[in-house]
């Protein structure tokens, strides 16, 4: 399901900012590393650690 409006814009802003931050780390060497770190940071930012299920999210496209 696609998210629209303010919640979708908010997730896009957070995702874009974190993607730039995560992809600039020297320890990140593959697209898998980027996605793993991005997931960790999103969960930390949204305080979702330890929750059973996270249904909200965003889609990442364009990985080679």
PDB file of N, CA and C in Angstrom:
ATOM      1  N   UNK A   1       0.834  -1.170   0.000  1.00  0.00           N
ATOM      2  CA  UNK A   1       0.000   0.000   0.000  1.00  0.00           C
ATOM      3  C   UNK A   1       0.887   1.244   0.000  1.00  0.00           C
ATOM      4  N   UNK A   2       0.540   2.195  -0.810  1.00  0.00           N
ATOM      5  CA  UNK A   2       1.313   3.423  -0.892  1.00  0.00           C
ATOM      6  C   UNK A   2       0.823   4.423   0.141  1.00  0.00           C
ATOM      7  N   UNK A   3       1.746   5.165   0.721  1.00  0.00           N
ATOM      8  CA  UNK A   3       1.426   6.191   1.709  1.00  0.00           C
ATOM      9  C   UNK A   3       1.483   7.543   1.019  1.00  0.00           C
ATOM     10  N   UNK A   4       0.485   8.354   1.267  1.00  0.00           N
ATOM     11  CA  UNK A   4       0.425   9.667   0.641  1.00  0.00           C
ATOM     12  C   UNK A   4       0.269  10.742   1.698  1.00  0.00           C
ATOM     13  N   UNK A   5       0.411  11.970   1.277  1.00  0.00           N
ATOM     14  CA  UNK A   5       0.176  13.096   2.164  1.00  0.00           C
ATOM     15  C   UNK A   5       1.339  13.361   3.091  1.00  0.00           C
ATOM     16  N   UNK A   6       1.030  13.956   4.217  1.00  0.00           N
ATOM     17  CA  UNK A   6       2.050  14.363   5.182  1.00  0.00           C
ATOM     18  C   UNK A   6       2.856  13.175   5.709  1.00  0.00           C
ATOM     19  N   UNK A   7       2.226  12.051   6.111  1.00  0.00           N
ATOM     20  CA  UNK A   7       3.035  10.924   6.590  1.00  0.00           C
ATOM     21  C   UNK A   7       4.020  10.406   5.532  1.00  0.00           C
ATOM     22  N   UNK A   8       3.568  10.332   4.290  1.00  0.00           N
ATOM     23  CA  UNK A   8       4.454   9.879   3.217  1.00  0.00           C
ATOM     24  C   UNK A   8       5.583  10.853   2.964  1.00  0.00           C
ATOM     25  N   UNK A   9       5.275  12.139   3.001  1.00  0.00           N
ATOM     26  CA  UNK A   9       6.309  13.168   2.815  1.00  0.00           C
ATOM     27  C   UNK A   9       7.320  13.115   3.952  1.00  0.00           C
ATOM     28  N   UNK A  10       6.827  12.914   5.160  1.00  0.00           N
ATOM     29  CA  UNK A  10       7.699  12.816   6.325  1.00  0.00           C
ATOM     30  C   UNK A  10       8.648  11.623   6.201  1.00  0.00           C
ATOM     31  N   UNK A  11       8.112  10.468   5.812  1.00  0.00           N
ATOM     32  CA  UNK A  11       8.958   9.277   5.635  1.00  0.00           C
ATOM     33  C   UNK A  11       9.964   9.476   4.507  1.00  0.00           C
ATOM     34  N   UNK A  12       9.553  10.148   3.427  1.00  0.00           N
ATOM     35  CA  UNK A  12      10.476  10.425   2.320  1.00  0.00           C
ATOM     36  C   UNK A  12      11.614  11.328   2.772  1.00  0.00           C
ATOM     37  N   UNK A  13      11.300  12.345   3.558  1.00  0.00           N
ATOM     38  CA  UNK A  13      12.320  13.269   4.062  1.00  0.00           C
ATOM     39  C   UNK A  13      13.303  12.551   4.976  1.00  0.00           C
ATOM     40  N   UNK A  14      12.777  11.764   5.902  1.00  0.00           N
ATOM     41  CA  UNK A  14      13.639  10.994   6.806  1.00  0.00           C
ATOM     42  C   UNK A  14      14.487  10.007   6.013  1.00  0.00           C
ATOM     43  N   UNK A  15      13.853   9.268   5.100  1.00  0.00           N
ATOM     44  CA  UNK A  15      14.574   8.265   4.310  1.00  0.00           C
ATOM     45  C   UNK A  15      15.666   8.871   3.458  1.00  0.00           C
ATOM     46  N   UNK A  16      15.393   9.999   2.838  1.00  0.00           N
ATOM     47  CA  UNK A  16      16.378  10.664   1.993  1.00  0.00           C
ATOM     48  C   UNK A  16      17.577  11.143   2.809  1.00  0.00           C
ATOM     49  N   UNK A  17      17.290  11.744   3.949  1.00  0.00           N
ATOM     50  CA  UNK A  17      18.362  12.238   4.822  1.00  0.00           C
ATOM     51  C   UNK A  17      19.220  11.093   5.337  1.00  0.00           C
ATOM     52  N   UNK A  18      18.569  10.033   5.817  1.00  0.00           N
ATOM     53  CA  UNK A  18      19.314   8.888   6.336  1.00  0.00           C
ATOM     54  C   UNK A  18      20.086   8.167   5.239  1.00  0.00           C
ATOM     55  N   UNK A  19      19.523   8.090   4.047  1.00  0.00           N
ATOM     56  CA  UNK A  19      20.206   7.431   2.934  1.00  0.00           C
ATOM     57  C   UNK A  19      21.521   8.141   2.611  1.00  0.00           C
ATOM     58  N   UNK A  20      21.498   9.458   2.584  1.00  0.00           N
ATOM     59  CA  UNK A  20      22.726  10.228   2.345  1.00  0.00           C
ATOM     60  C   UNK A  20      23.742   9.976   3.455  1.00  0.00           C
ATOM     61  N   UNK A  21      23.260   9.984   4.692  1.00  0.00           N
ATOM     62  CA  UNK A  21      24.139   9.776   5.843  1.00  0.00           C
ATOM     63  C   UNK A  21      24.750   8.376   5.840  1.00  0.00           C
ATOM     64  N   UNK A  22      23.909   7.384   5.640  1.00  0.00           N
ATOM     65  CA  UNK A  22      24.351   5.985   5.679  1.00  0.00           C
ATOM     66  C   UNK A  22      25.289   5.669   4.521  1.00  0.00           C
ATOM     67  N   UNK A  23      24.962   6.136   3.323  1.00  0.00           N
ATOM     68  CA  UNK A  23      25.781   5.789   2.153  1.00  0.00           C
ATOM     69  C   UNK A  23      27.139   6.473   2.169  1.00  0.00           C
ATOM     70  N   UNK A  24      27.322   7.487   2.999  1.00  0.00           N
ATOM     71  CA  UNK A  24      28.624   8.157   3.070  1.00  0.00           C
ATOM     72  C   UNK A  24      29.571   7.489   4.063  1.00  0.00           C
ATOM     73  N   UNK A  25      29.088   6.525   4.837  1.00  0.00           N
ATOM     74  CA  UNK A  25      29.936   5.822   5.799  1.00  0.00           C
ATOM     75  C   UNK A  25      30.897   4.898   5.058  1.00  0.00           C
ATOM     76  N   UNK A  26      32.132   4.859   5.524  1.00  0.00           N
ATOM     77  CA  UNK A  26      33.142   4.025   4.878  1.00  0.00           C
ATOM     78  C   UNK A  26      32.891   2.540   5.088  1.00  0.00           C
ATOM     79  N   UNK A  27      32.177   2.167   6.148  1.00  0.00           N
ATOM     80  CA  UNK A  27      31.906   0.756   6.417  1.00  0.00           C
ATOM     81  C   UNK A  27      30.835   0.188   5.493  1.00  0.00           C
ATOM     82  N   UNK A  28      30.132   1.055   4.778  1.00  0.00           N
ATOM     83  CA  UNK A  28      29.077   0.630   3.863  1.00  0.00           C
ATOM     84  C   UNK A  28      29.683   0.444   2.477  1.00  0.00           C
ATOM     85  N   UNK A  29      29.692  -0.812   2.000  1.00  0.00           N
ATOM     86  CA  UNK A  29      30.365  -1.098   0.746  1.00  0.00           C
ATOM     87  C   UNK A  29      29.472  -1.711  -0.324  1.00  0.00           C
ATOM     88  N   UNK A  30      28.236  -2.060   0.048  1.00  0.00           N
ATOM     89  CA  UNK A  30      27.336  -2.669  -0.934  1.00  0.00           C
ATOM     90  C   UNK A  30      25.921  -2.141  -0.705  1.00  0.00           C
ATOM     91  N   UNK A  31      25.057  -2.377  -1.670  1.00  0.00           N
ATOM     92  CA  UNK A  31      23.669  -1.937  -1.510  1.00  0.00           C
ATOM     93  C   UNK A  31      23.006  -2.659  -0.336  1.00  0.00           C
ATOM     94  N   UNK A  32      23.397  -3.900  -0.085  1.00  0.00           N
ATOM     95  CA  UNK A  32      22.865  -4.632   1.070  1.00  0.00           C
ATOM     96  C   UNK A  32      23.248  -3.928   2.358  1.00  0.00           C
ATOM     97  N   UNK A  33      24.510  -3.516   2.484  1.00  0.00           N
ATOM     98  CA  UNK A  33      24.965  -2.787   3.669  1.00  0.00           C
ATOM     99  C   UNK A  33      24.169  -1.504   3.868  1.00  0.00           C
ATOM    100  N   UNK A  34      23.917  -0.792   2.772  1.00  0.00           N
ATOM    101  CA  UNK A  34      23.154   0.454   2.852  1.00  0.00           C
ATOM    102  C   UNK A  34      21.763   0.167   3.403  1.00  0.00           C
ATOM    103  N   UNK A  35      21.086  -0.845   2.875  1.00  0.00           N
ATOM    104  CA  UNK A  35      19.730  -1.157   3.319  1.00  0.00           C
ATOM    105  C   UNK A  35      19.686  -1.625   4.765  1.00  0.00           C
ATOM    106  N   UNK A  36      20.673  -2.422   5.187  1.00  0.00           N
ATOM    107  CA  UNK A  36      20.721  -2.893   6.572  1.00  0.00           C
ATOM    108  C   UNK A  36      20.912  -1.707   7.516  1.00  0.00           C
ATOM    109  N   UNK A  37      21.872  -0.830   7.200  1.00  0.00           N
ATOM    110  CA  UNK A  37      22.123   0.343   8.042  1.00  0.00           C
ATOM    111  C   UNK A  37      20.931   1.304   8.018  1.00  0.00           C
ATOM    112  N   UNK A  38      20.320   1.460   6.859  1.00  0.00           N
ATOM    113  CA  UNK A  38      19.165   2.337   6.734  1.00  0.00           C
ATOM    114  C   UNK A  38      18.012   1.809   7.591  1.00  0.00           C
ATOM    115  N   UNK A  39      17.775   0.508   7.564  1.00  0.00           N
ATOM    116  CA  UNK A  39      16.733  -0.101   8.389  1.00  0.00           C
ATOM    117  C   UNK A  39      17.022   0.113   9.872  1.00  0.00           C
ATOM    118  N   UNK A  40      18.269  -0.113  10.279  1.00  0.00           N
ATOM    119  CA  UNK A  40      18.650   0.090  11.685  1.00  0.00           C
ATOM    120  C   UNK A  40      18.407   1.532  12.124  1.00  0.00           C
ATOM    121  N   UNK A  41      18.824   2.476  11.301  1.00  0.00           N
ATOM    122  CA  UNK A  41      18.682   3.888  11.642  1.00  0.00           C
ATOM    123  C   UNK A  41      17.220   4.320  11.666  1.00  0.00           C
ATOM    124  N   UNK A  42      16.419   3.835  10.707  1.00  0.00           N
ATOM    125  CA  UNK A  42      14.991   4.167  10.705  1.00  0.00           C
ATOM    126  C   UNK A  42      14.304   3.642  11.959  1.00  0.00           C
ATOM    127  N   UNK A  43      14.608   2.413  12.332  1.00  0.00           N
ATOM    128  CA  UNK A  43      14.015   1.840  13.537  1.00  0.00           C
ATOM    129  C   UNK A  43      14.439   2.625  14.774  1.00  0.00           C
ATOM    130  N   UNK A  44      15.710   3.004  14.828  1.00  0.00           N
ATOM    131  CA  UNK A  44      16.200   3.773  15.964  1.00  0.00           C
ATOM    132  C   UNK A  44      15.509   5.130  16.024  1.00  0.00           C
ATOM    133  N   UNK A  45      15.430   5.810  14.882  1.00  0.00           N
ATOM    134  CA  UNK A  45      14.809   7.128  14.831  1.00  0.00           C
ATOM    135  C   UNK A  45      13.340   7.090  15.196  1.00  0.00           C
ATOM    136  N   UNK A  46      12.640   6.086  14.735  1.00  0.00           N
ATOM    137  CA  UNK A  46      11.206   5.991  14.973  1.00  0.00           C
ATOM    138  C   UNK A  46      10.889   5.228  16.258  1.00  0.00           C
ATOM    139  N   UNK A  47      11.941   4.856  16.980  1.00  0.00           N
ATOM    140  CA  UNK A  47      11.795   4.162  18.257  1.00  0.00           C
ATOM    141  C   UNK A  47      10.972   2.895  18.123  1.00  0.00           C
ATOM    142  N   UNK A  48      11.259   2.108  17.088  1.00  0.00           N
ATOM    143  CA  UNK A  48      10.517   0.879  16.828  1.00  0.00           C
ATOM    144  C   UNK A  48      11.274  -0.365  17.273  1.00  0.00           C
ATOM    145  N   UNK A  49      12.431  -0.214  17.905  1.00  0.00           N
ATOM    146  CA  UNK A  49      13.202  -1.367  18.363  1.00  0.00           C
ATOM    147  C   UNK A  49      12.354  -2.184  19.330  1.00  0.00           C
ATOM    148  N   UNK A  50      12.320  -3.481  19.151  1.00  0.00           N
ATOM    149  CA  UNK A  50      11.630  -4.362  20.066  1.00  0.00           C
ATOM    150  C   UNK A  50      10.151  -4.537  19.797  1.00  0.00           C
ATOM    151  N   UNK A  51       9.591  -3.773  18.894  1.00  0.00           N
ATOM    152  CA  UNK A  51       8.172  -3.930  18.571  1.00  0.00           C
ATOM    153  C   UNK A  51       8.018  -5.186  17.715  1.00  0.00           C
ATOM    154  N   UNK A  52       6.881  -5.808  17.795  1.00  0.00           N
ATOM    155  CA  UNK A  52       6.645  -7.084  17.111  1.00  0.00           C
ATOM    156  C   UNK A  52       6.600  -6.919  15.604  1.00  0.00           C
ATOM    157  N   UNK A  53       5.829  -5.967  15.111  1.00  0.00           N
ATOM    158  CA  UNK A  53       5.679  -5.815  13.664  1.00  0.00           C
ATOM    159  C   UNK A  53       5.663  -4.346  13.295  1.00  0.00           C
ATOM    160  N   UNK A  54       6.362  -4.043  12.212  1.00  0.00           N
ATOM    161  CA  UNK A  54       6.358  -2.685  11.672  1.00  0.00           C
ATOM    162  C   UNK A  54       5.727  -2.766  10.298  1.00  0.00           C
ATOM    163  N   UNK A  55       4.558  -2.204  10.144  1.00  0.00           N
ATOM    164  CA  UNK A  55       3.837  -2.268   8.893  1.00  0.00           C
ATOM    165  C   UNK A  55       4.120  -1.060   7.999  1.00  0.00           C
ATOM    166  N   UNK A  56       4.584   0.041   8.590  1.00  0.00           N
ATOM    167  CA  UNK A  56       4.837   1.257   7.826  1.00  0.00           C
ATOM    168  C   UNK A  56       6.235   1.218   7.246  1.00  0.00           C
ATOM    169  N   UNK A  57       6.419   1.940   6.164  1.00  0.00           N
ATOM    170  CA  UNK A  57       7.740   1.989   5.580  1.00  0.00           C
ATOM    171  C   UNK A  57       7.733   2.760   4.290  1.00  0.00           C
ATOM    172  N   UNK A  58       8.789   2.593   3.563  1.00  0.00           N
ATOM    173  CA  UNK A  58       8.931   3.263   2.282  1.00  0.00           C
ATOM    174  C   UNK A  58       9.593   2.287   1.322  1.00  0.00           C
ATOM    175  N   UNK A  59       9.594   2.604   0.064  1.00  0.00           N
ATOM    176  CA  UNK A  59      10.157   1.734  -0.954  1.00  0.00           C
ATOM    177  C   UNK A  59      11.435   2.335  -1.498  1.00  0.00           C
ATOM    178  N   UNK A  60      12.475   1.512  -1.609  1.00  0.00           N
ATOM    179  CA  UNK A  60      13.738   1.963  -2.211  1.00  0.00           C
ATOM    180  C   UNK A  60      13.856   1.343  -3.593  1.00  0.00           C
ATOM    181  N   UNK A  61      14.065   2.166  -4.586  1.00  0.00           N
ATOM    182  CA  UNK A  61      14.195   1.702  -5.964  1.00  0.00           C
ATOM    183  C   UNK A  61      15.514   2.167  -6.556  1.00  0.00           C
ATOM    184  N   UNK A  62      15.964   1.483  -7.590  1.00  0.00           N
ATOM    185  CA  UNK A  62      17.127   1.922  -8.347  1.00  0.00           C
ATOM    186  C   UNK A  62      18.440   1.296  -7.936  1.00  0.00           C
ATOM    187  N   UNK A  63      18.405   0.211  -7.180  1.00  0.00           N
ATOM    188  CA  UNK A  63      19.662  -0.448  -6.796  1.00  0.00           C
ATOM    189  C   UNK A  63      20.160  -1.313  -7.934  1.00  0.00           C
ATOM    190  N   UNK A  64      21.446  -1.262  -8.155  1.00  0.00           N
ATOM    191  CA  UNK A  64      22.071  -2.071  -9.209  1.00  0.00           C
ATOM    192  C   UNK A  64      22.423  -3.437  -8.718  1.00  0.00           C
TER     193      UNK A  64
END
